[in-house]
Structures are given as structure tokens and as C-alpha cells.
């Protein structure tokens, strides 16, 4: 038998429902609507700031992961957990997100950058949103190309690589086509 305990920021035990209600109450202070959430989430630096703000309010990676499991979104992005709590948007898996947006992501890049971005997307599907943090770029390049020098030889300057790494993410978090068509 296993039980999960939840604790409020002031150290008091709370129920799972109370934790979700608390998160629901905090989210309007962090973003006003779905478009703002998408805008914040689609940039590595603003996503990091949002996650830090959530952690400071008592919703760190463990708590958000547990909420994800509670809503059957453990293979989804933290974005989906937040969008579900704040706007009742059905969560999608990271794999479905990548598959739906792969074409719009790849259109902006040459074949060499597409290969690298496809590698990054695979890491994202397997490991989660932390793979999209700007701090991970160096280790992702080394994992794929062994050295930063080899990566720049294959892909171009560090600036080009950094711009592609940050730039593709705006496509990853765009509204789903059928969601936009449905007026959602």
C-alpha cells in the first residue's frame, strides 16, 4: 500500500484536491489566459521563470508531476498540466505534441538543423520539458555530436544553434490546429 502526502508551503499537510485547488488559485497570478501561458511556455527563459515562480509557491517538479499523474497526464508536458488546471484543456502526450507540430517546426530550418532538432524532440519525448531548457543545449550538442566544435562544424555558429534551439519551441506550443478550428 502506498500513500502520497501533500504539504502546503507553510508545512501543513493538505489533500490532493486541496493542492489542485491551491494551484488553480495561484495560476491567475502567473498568467492571465491561455495565450499568455503559451507565450511564456514557448520561450526557455520565460518558462524557467514561470517554473521558478511555481516552485516558490510550493509547486515544484515533484508536485506538478504528481498532479500530472492524478489527471492521467504523466506522459504529457507540464504545460498540459497547467492548461488542464487553468483552462480545462485536455492534455496531450509529448509524443502527440511533437508529431502534430513536427512539420511546422522543421519548415524553418535546413536539413542539418532539422536532424539536430529531431534529436532534441526525441529527448523531449523521452525525458520531458527539462530537455528544452537553455542550460541543456550544451549537453544535448555533446550527446549528439560529441564536442561543441563538432556541433558547430556540422550546424553553424553557436548563435545559429542557440536561435534554432529557442526558436523551434514557439511552434511546439502553438495551438493545435483542430483546437483553433473548433474555436477553443
C-alpha atoms as a PDB file:
ATOM      1  CA  UNK A   1       0.000   0.000   0.000  1.00  0.00           C
ATOM      2  CA  UNK A   2       1.290   3.438  -0.909  1.00  0.00           C
ATOM      3  CA  UNK A   3       0.097   6.915   0.044  1.00  0.00           C
ATOM      4  CA  UNK A   4       1.192  10.287  -1.238  1.00  0.00           C
ATOM      5  CA  UNK A   5       1.356  13.195   1.167  1.00  0.00           C
ATOM      6  CA  UNK A   6       0.987  16.798   0.087  1.00  0.00           C
ATOM      7  CA  UNK A   7       2.255  19.741   2.054  1.00  0.00           C
ATOM      8  CA  UNK A   8       1.361  23.388   1.776  1.00  0.00           C
ATOM      9  CA  UNK A   9       4.209  25.931   1.608  1.00  0.00           C
ATOM     10  CA  UNK A  10       3.683  26.646   5.300  1.00  0.00           C
ATOM     11  CA  UNK A  11       4.379  22.986   6.136  1.00  0.00           C
ATOM     12  CA  UNK A  12       0.848  21.757   6.815  1.00  0.00           C
ATOM     13  CA  UNK A  13      -0.499  18.546   5.276  1.00  0.00           C
ATOM     14  CA  UNK A  14      -3.174  19.026   2.595  1.00  0.00           C
ATOM     15  CA  UNK A  15      -5.245  16.687   0.440  1.00  0.00           C
ATOM     16  CA  UNK A  16      -4.687  16.146  -3.264  1.00  0.00           C
ATOM     17  CA  UNK A  17      -7.862  18.124  -4.007  1.00  0.00           C
ATOM     18  CA  UNK A  18      -6.683  20.983  -1.807  1.00  0.00           C
ATOM     19  CA  UNK A  19      -3.355  21.003  -3.658  1.00  0.00           C
ATOM     20  CA  UNK A  20      -5.104  21.251  -7.037  1.00  0.00           C
ATOM     21  CA  UNK A  21      -7.445  23.966  -5.719  1.00  0.00           C
ATOM     22  CA  UNK A  22      -4.444  25.880  -4.406  1.00  0.00           C
ATOM     23  CA  UNK A  23      -2.701  25.598  -7.777  1.00  0.00           C
ATOM     24  CA  UNK A  24      -5.900  26.728  -9.530  1.00  0.00           C
ATOM     25  CA  UNK A  25      -5.975  29.778  -7.262  1.00  0.00           C
ATOM     26  CA  UNK A  26      -2.316  30.641  -7.903  1.00  0.00           C
ATOM     27  CA  UNK A  27      -2.284  30.325 -11.694  1.00  0.00           C
ATOM     28  CA  UNK A  28      -4.127  33.616 -12.456  1.00  0.00           C
ATOM     29  CA  UNK A  29      -1.294  35.429 -10.674  1.00  0.00           C
ATOM     30  CA  UNK A  30       1.224  33.895 -13.080  1.00  0.00           C
ATOM     31  CA  UNK A  31      -0.605  34.252 -16.411  1.00  0.00           C
ATOM     32  CA  UNK A  32      -3.934  35.758 -17.396  1.00  0.00           C
ATOM     33  CA  UNK A  33      -5.062  33.462 -20.213  1.00  0.00           C
ATOM     34  CA  UNK A  34      -4.125  30.526 -22.428  1.00  0.00           C
ATOM     35  CA  UNK A  35      -2.317  32.721 -24.950  1.00  0.00           C
ATOM     36  CA  UNK A  36      -0.102  34.197 -22.260  1.00  0.00           C
ATOM     37  CA  UNK A  37       0.672  30.720 -20.914  1.00  0.00           C
ATOM     38  CA  UNK A  38       1.638  29.570 -24.420  1.00  0.00           C
ATOM     39  CA  UNK A  39       3.803  32.661 -24.908  1.00  0.00           C
ATOM     40  CA  UNK A  40       5.572  32.160 -21.559  1.00  0.00           C
ATOM     41  CA  UNK A  41       5.985  28.434 -22.073  1.00  0.00           C
ATOM     42  CA  UNK A  42       7.331  28.645 -25.632  1.00  0.00           C
ATOM     43  CA  UNK A  43      10.496  30.501 -24.606  1.00  0.00           C
ATOM     44  CA  UNK A  44      13.098  28.722 -22.466  1.00  0.00           C
ATOM     45  CA  UNK A  45      13.876  31.764 -20.297  1.00  0.00           C
ATOM     46  CA  UNK A  46      10.273  32.725 -19.511  1.00  0.00           C
ATOM     47  CA  UNK A  47       9.335  29.054 -18.992  1.00  0.00           C
ATOM     48  CA  UNK A  48      12.144  28.756 -16.451  1.00  0.00           C
ATOM     49  CA  UNK A  49      10.912  31.894 -14.653  1.00  0.00           C
ATOM     50  CA  UNK A  50       7.352  30.515 -14.577  1.00  0.00           C
ATOM     51  CA  UNK A  51       8.557  27.176 -13.196  1.00  0.00           C
ATOM     52  CA  UNK A  52      10.622  29.008 -10.591  1.00  0.00           C
ATOM     53  CA  UNK A  53       7.555  31.037  -9.595  1.00  0.00           C
ATOM     54  CA  UNK A  54       5.544  27.834  -9.248  1.00  0.00           C
ATOM     55  CA  UNK A  55       8.274  26.248  -7.137  1.00  0.00           C
ATOM     56  CA  UNK A  56       8.319  29.280  -4.845  1.00  0.00           C
ATOM     57  CA  UNK A  57       4.569  28.848  -4.368  1.00  0.00           C
ATOM     58  CA  UNK A  58       5.011  25.197  -3.385  1.00  0.00           C
ATOM     59  CA  UNK A  59       4.519  23.560  -6.797  1.00  0.00           C
ATOM     60  CA  UNK A  60       7.904  22.142  -7.682  1.00  0.00           C
ATOM     61  CA  UNK A  61       8.648  19.366 -10.164  1.00  0.00           C
ATOM     62  CA  UNK A  62       7.534  16.618  -7.782  1.00  0.00           C
ATOM     63  CA  UNK A  63       4.181  18.234  -7.025  1.00  0.00           C
ATOM     64  CA  UNK A  64       3.493  19.069 -10.683  1.00  0.00           C
ATOM     65  CA  UNK A  65       4.486  15.525 -11.658  1.00  0.00           C
ATOM     66  CA  UNK A  66       2.093  14.107  -9.083  1.00  0.00           C
ATOM     67  CA  UNK A  67      -0.727  16.339 -10.334  1.00  0.00           C
ATOM     68  CA  UNK A  68       0.092  15.127 -13.853  1.00  0.00           C
ATOM     69  CA  UNK A  69      -0.296  11.521 -12.714  1.00  0.00           C
ATOM     70  CA  UNK A  70      -3.586  12.377 -10.971  1.00  0.00           C
ATOM     71  CA  UNK A  71      -5.044  13.741 -14.219  1.00  0.00           C
ATOM     72  CA  UNK A  72      -3.582  10.919 -16.357  1.00  0.00           C
ATOM     73  CA  UNK A  73      -1.035  13.251 -17.945  1.00  0.00           C
ATOM     74  CA  UNK A  74       2.198  11.629 -16.800  1.00  0.00           C
ATOM     75  CA  UNK A  75       3.440  11.409 -20.427  1.00  0.00           C
ATOM     76  CA  UNK A  76       2.387  14.987 -21.070  1.00  0.00           C
ATOM     77  CA  UNK A  77       4.265  18.233 -20.693  1.00  0.00           C
ATOM     78  CA  UNK A  78       3.932  20.323 -17.531  1.00  0.00           C
ATOM     79  CA  UNK A  79       2.322  22.861 -19.886  1.00  0.00           C
ATOM     80  CA  UNK A  80      -0.583  20.434 -20.296  1.00  0.00           C
ATOM     81  CA  UNK A  81      -0.972  20.051 -16.547  1.00  0.00           C
ATOM     82  CA  UNK A  82      -1.162  23.822 -16.123  1.00  0.00           C
ATOM     83  CA  UNK A  83      -3.506  24.250 -19.107  1.00  0.00           C
ATOM     84  CA  UNK A  84      -5.764  21.499 -17.782  1.00  0.00           C
ATOM     85  CA  UNK A  85      -5.973  23.033 -14.298  1.00  0.00           C
ATOM     86  CA  UNK A  86      -6.350  26.627 -15.524  1.00  0.00           C
ATOM     87  CA  UNK A  87      -8.437  26.219 -18.695  1.00  0.00           C
ATOM     88  CA  UNK A  88      -9.778  22.624 -18.737  1.00  0.00           C
ATOM     89  CA  UNK A  89      -7.765  21.866 -21.898  1.00  0.00           C
ATOM     90  CA  UNK A  90      -7.375  18.132 -22.416  1.00  0.00           C
ATOM     91  CA  UNK A  91      -3.724  17.123 -22.009  1.00  0.00           C
ATOM     92  CA  UNK A  92      -1.859  15.573 -24.917  1.00  0.00           C
ATOM     93  CA  UNK A  93       1.244  13.438 -24.696  1.00  0.00           C
ATOM     94  CA  UNK A  94       4.641  14.870 -25.553  1.00  0.00           C
ATOM     95  CA  UNK A  95       4.814  12.397 -28.449  1.00  0.00           C
ATOM     96  CA  UNK A  96       1.490  13.603 -29.869  1.00  0.00           C
ATOM     97  CA  UNK A  97       2.598  17.243 -29.477  1.00  0.00           C
ATOM     98  CA  UNK A  98       5.805  16.531 -31.420  1.00  0.00           C
ATOM     99  CA  UNK A  99       4.024  14.530 -34.119  1.00  0.00           C
ATOM    100  CA  UNK A 100       1.383  17.235 -34.617  1.00  0.00           C
ATOM    101  CA  UNK A 101       3.915  20.060 -34.862  1.00  0.00           C
ATOM    102  CA  UNK A 102       6.960  18.428 -36.446  1.00  0.00           C
ATOM    103  CA  UNK A 103       6.255  19.798 -39.931  1.00  0.00           C
ATOM    104  CA  UNK A 104       5.747  23.394 -38.790  1.00  0.00           C
ATOM    105  CA  UNK A 105       8.910  23.132 -36.682  1.00  0.00           C
ATOM    106  CA  UNK A 106      11.098  21.746 -39.457  1.00  0.00           C
ATOM    107  CA  UNK A 107       9.987  24.188 -42.178  1.00  0.00           C
ATOM    108  CA  UNK A 108      12.149  26.977 -40.735  1.00  0.00           C
ATOM    109  CA  UNK A 109      15.434  25.031 -40.730  1.00  0.00           C
ATOM    110  CA  UNK A 110      17.902  23.415 -43.125  1.00  0.00           C
ATOM    111  CA  UNK A 111      18.465  19.644 -43.173  1.00  0.00           C
ATOM    112  CA  UNK A 112      21.391  19.701 -40.715  1.00  0.00           C
ATOM    113  CA  UNK A 113      19.483  21.716 -38.115  1.00  0.00           C
ATOM    114  CA  UNK A 114      16.416  19.552 -38.721  1.00  0.00           C
ATOM    115  CA  UNK A 115      18.470  16.483 -37.787  1.00  0.00           C
ATOM    116  CA  UNK A 116      19.604  18.115 -34.550  1.00  0.00           C
ATOM    117  CA  UNK A 117      16.116  19.397 -33.697  1.00  0.00           C
ATOM    118  CA  UNK A 118      14.680  15.950 -34.359  1.00  0.00           C
ATOM    119  CA  UNK A 119      17.214  14.606 -31.847  1.00  0.00           C
ATOM    120  CA  UNK A 120      16.160  17.276 -29.330  1.00  0.00           C
ATOM    121  CA  UNK A 121      12.487  16.410 -29.861  1.00  0.00           C
ATOM    122  CA  UNK A 122      13.238  12.734 -29.227  1.00  0.00           C
ATOM    123  CA  UNK A 123      14.941  13.675 -25.948  1.00  0.00           C
ATOM    124  CA  UNK A 124      11.949  15.843 -25.038  1.00  0.00           C
ATOM    125  CA  UNK A 125       9.500  12.996 -25.671  1.00  0.00           C
ATOM    126  CA  UNK A 126      11.581  10.573 -23.609  1.00  0.00           C
ATOM    127  CA  UNK A 127      12.733  12.838 -20.771  1.00  0.00           C
ATOM    128  CA  UNK A 128      10.325  15.778 -20.561  1.00  0.00           C
ATOM    129  CA  UNK A 129      10.323  19.554 -20.803  1.00  0.00           C
ATOM    130  CA  UNK A 130      13.611  19.995 -18.925  1.00  0.00           C
ATOM    131  CA  UNK A 131      15.370  18.879 -22.119  1.00  0.00           C
ATOM    132  CA  UNK A 132      14.222  22.165 -23.688  1.00  0.00           C
ATOM    133  CA  UNK A 133      15.929  24.343 -21.105  1.00  0.00           C
ATOM    134  CA  UNK A 134      18.667  26.582 -22.497  1.00  0.00           C
ATOM    135  CA  UNK A 135      21.045  25.093 -19.897  1.00  0.00           C
ATOM    136  CA  UNK A 136      20.667  21.682 -21.593  1.00  0.00           C
ATOM    137  CA  UNK A 137      21.768  22.868 -25.031  1.00  0.00           C
ATOM    138  CA  UNK A 138      25.479  22.199 -24.481  1.00  0.00           C
ATOM    139  CA  UNK A 139      24.931  18.686 -23.149  1.00  0.00           C
ATOM    140  CA  UNK A 140      22.484  17.894 -25.975  1.00  0.00           C
ATOM    141  CA  UNK A 141      25.062  19.044 -28.537  1.00  0.00           C
ATOM    142  CA  UNK A 142      27.745  16.922 -26.891  1.00  0.00           C
ATOM    143  CA  UNK A 143      25.417  13.924 -26.691  1.00  0.00           C
ATOM    144  CA  UNK A 144      24.665  14.175 -30.410  1.00  0.00           C
ATOM    145  CA  UNK A 145      27.990  15.469 -31.794  1.00  0.00           C
ATOM    146  CA  UNK A 146      30.484  14.560 -29.010  1.00  0.00           C
ATOM    147  CA  UNK A 147      32.010  18.069 -28.843  1.00  0.00           C
ATOM    148  CA  UNK A 148      30.767  21.631 -29.259  1.00  0.00           C
ATOM    149  CA  UNK A 149      33.377  22.124 -32.015  1.00  0.00           C
ATOM    150  CA  UNK A 150      31.978  19.152 -33.940  1.00  0.00           C
ATOM    151  CA  UNK A 151      28.472  20.541 -33.458  1.00  0.00           C
ATOM    152  CA  UNK A 152      29.391  23.990 -34.787  1.00  0.00           C
ATOM    153  CA  UNK A 153      31.213  22.378 -37.730  1.00  0.00           C
ATOM    154  CA  UNK A 154      28.057  20.444 -38.581  1.00  0.00           C
ATOM    155  CA  UNK A 155      25.405  23.046 -37.769  1.00  0.00           C
ATOM    156  CA  UNK A 156      26.904  26.525 -37.890  1.00  0.00           C
ATOM    157  CA  UNK A 157      27.786  29.086 -35.269  1.00  0.00           C
ATOM    158  CA  UNK A 158      26.771  28.836 -31.640  1.00  0.00           C
ATOM    159  CA  UNK A 159      24.396  31.762 -32.256  1.00  0.00           C
ATOM    160  CA  UNK A 160      22.655  29.943 -35.113  1.00  0.00           C
ATOM    161  CA  UNK A 161      22.313  26.809 -33.000  1.00  0.00           C
ATOM    162  CA  UNK A 162      21.039  28.758 -29.979  1.00  0.00           C
ATOM    163  CA  UNK A 163      18.495  30.646 -32.111  1.00  0.00           C
ATOM    164  CA  UNK A 164      17.218  27.391 -33.651  1.00  0.00           C
ATOM    165  CA  UNK A 165      17.004  25.721 -30.231  1.00  0.00           C
ATOM    166  CA  UNK A 166      14.951  28.542 -28.757  1.00  0.00           C
ATOM    167  CA  UNK A 167      13.082  29.320 -31.980  1.00  0.00           C
ATOM    168  CA  UNK A 168      11.574  25.914 -32.699  1.00  0.00           C
ATOM    169  CA  UNK A 169       9.907  25.875 -29.292  1.00  0.00           C
ATOM    170  CA  UNK A 170       7.364  28.528 -30.261  1.00  0.00           C
ATOM    171  CA  UNK A 171       5.992  26.067 -32.837  1.00  0.00           C
ATOM    172  CA  UNK A 172       5.950  23.253 -30.308  1.00  0.00           C
ATOM    173  CA  UNK A 173       3.474  25.098 -28.089  1.00  0.00           C
ATOM    174  CA  UNK A 174       1.231  26.634 -30.749  1.00  0.00           C
ATOM    175  CA  UNK A 175      -2.442  25.894 -30.520  1.00  0.00           C
ATOM    176  CA  UNK A 176      -3.402  22.586 -32.043  1.00  0.00           C
ATOM    177  CA  UNK A 177      -4.850  23.105 -35.490  1.00  0.00           C
ATOM    178  CA  UNK A 178      -8.161  21.402 -34.693  1.00  0.00           C
ATOM    179  CA  UNK A 179      -8.327  23.342 -31.402  1.00  0.00           C
ATOM    180  CA  UNK A 180      -8.055  26.632 -33.289  1.00  0.00           C
ATOM    181  CA  UNK A 181     -10.604  25.445 -35.877  1.00  0.00           C
ATOM    182  CA  UNK A 182     -13.046  24.459 -33.137  1.00  0.00           C
ATOM    183  CA  UNK A 183     -12.817  27.939 -31.654  1.00  0.00           C
ATOM    184  CA  UNK A 184     -11.203  26.574 -28.492  1.00  0.00           C
END
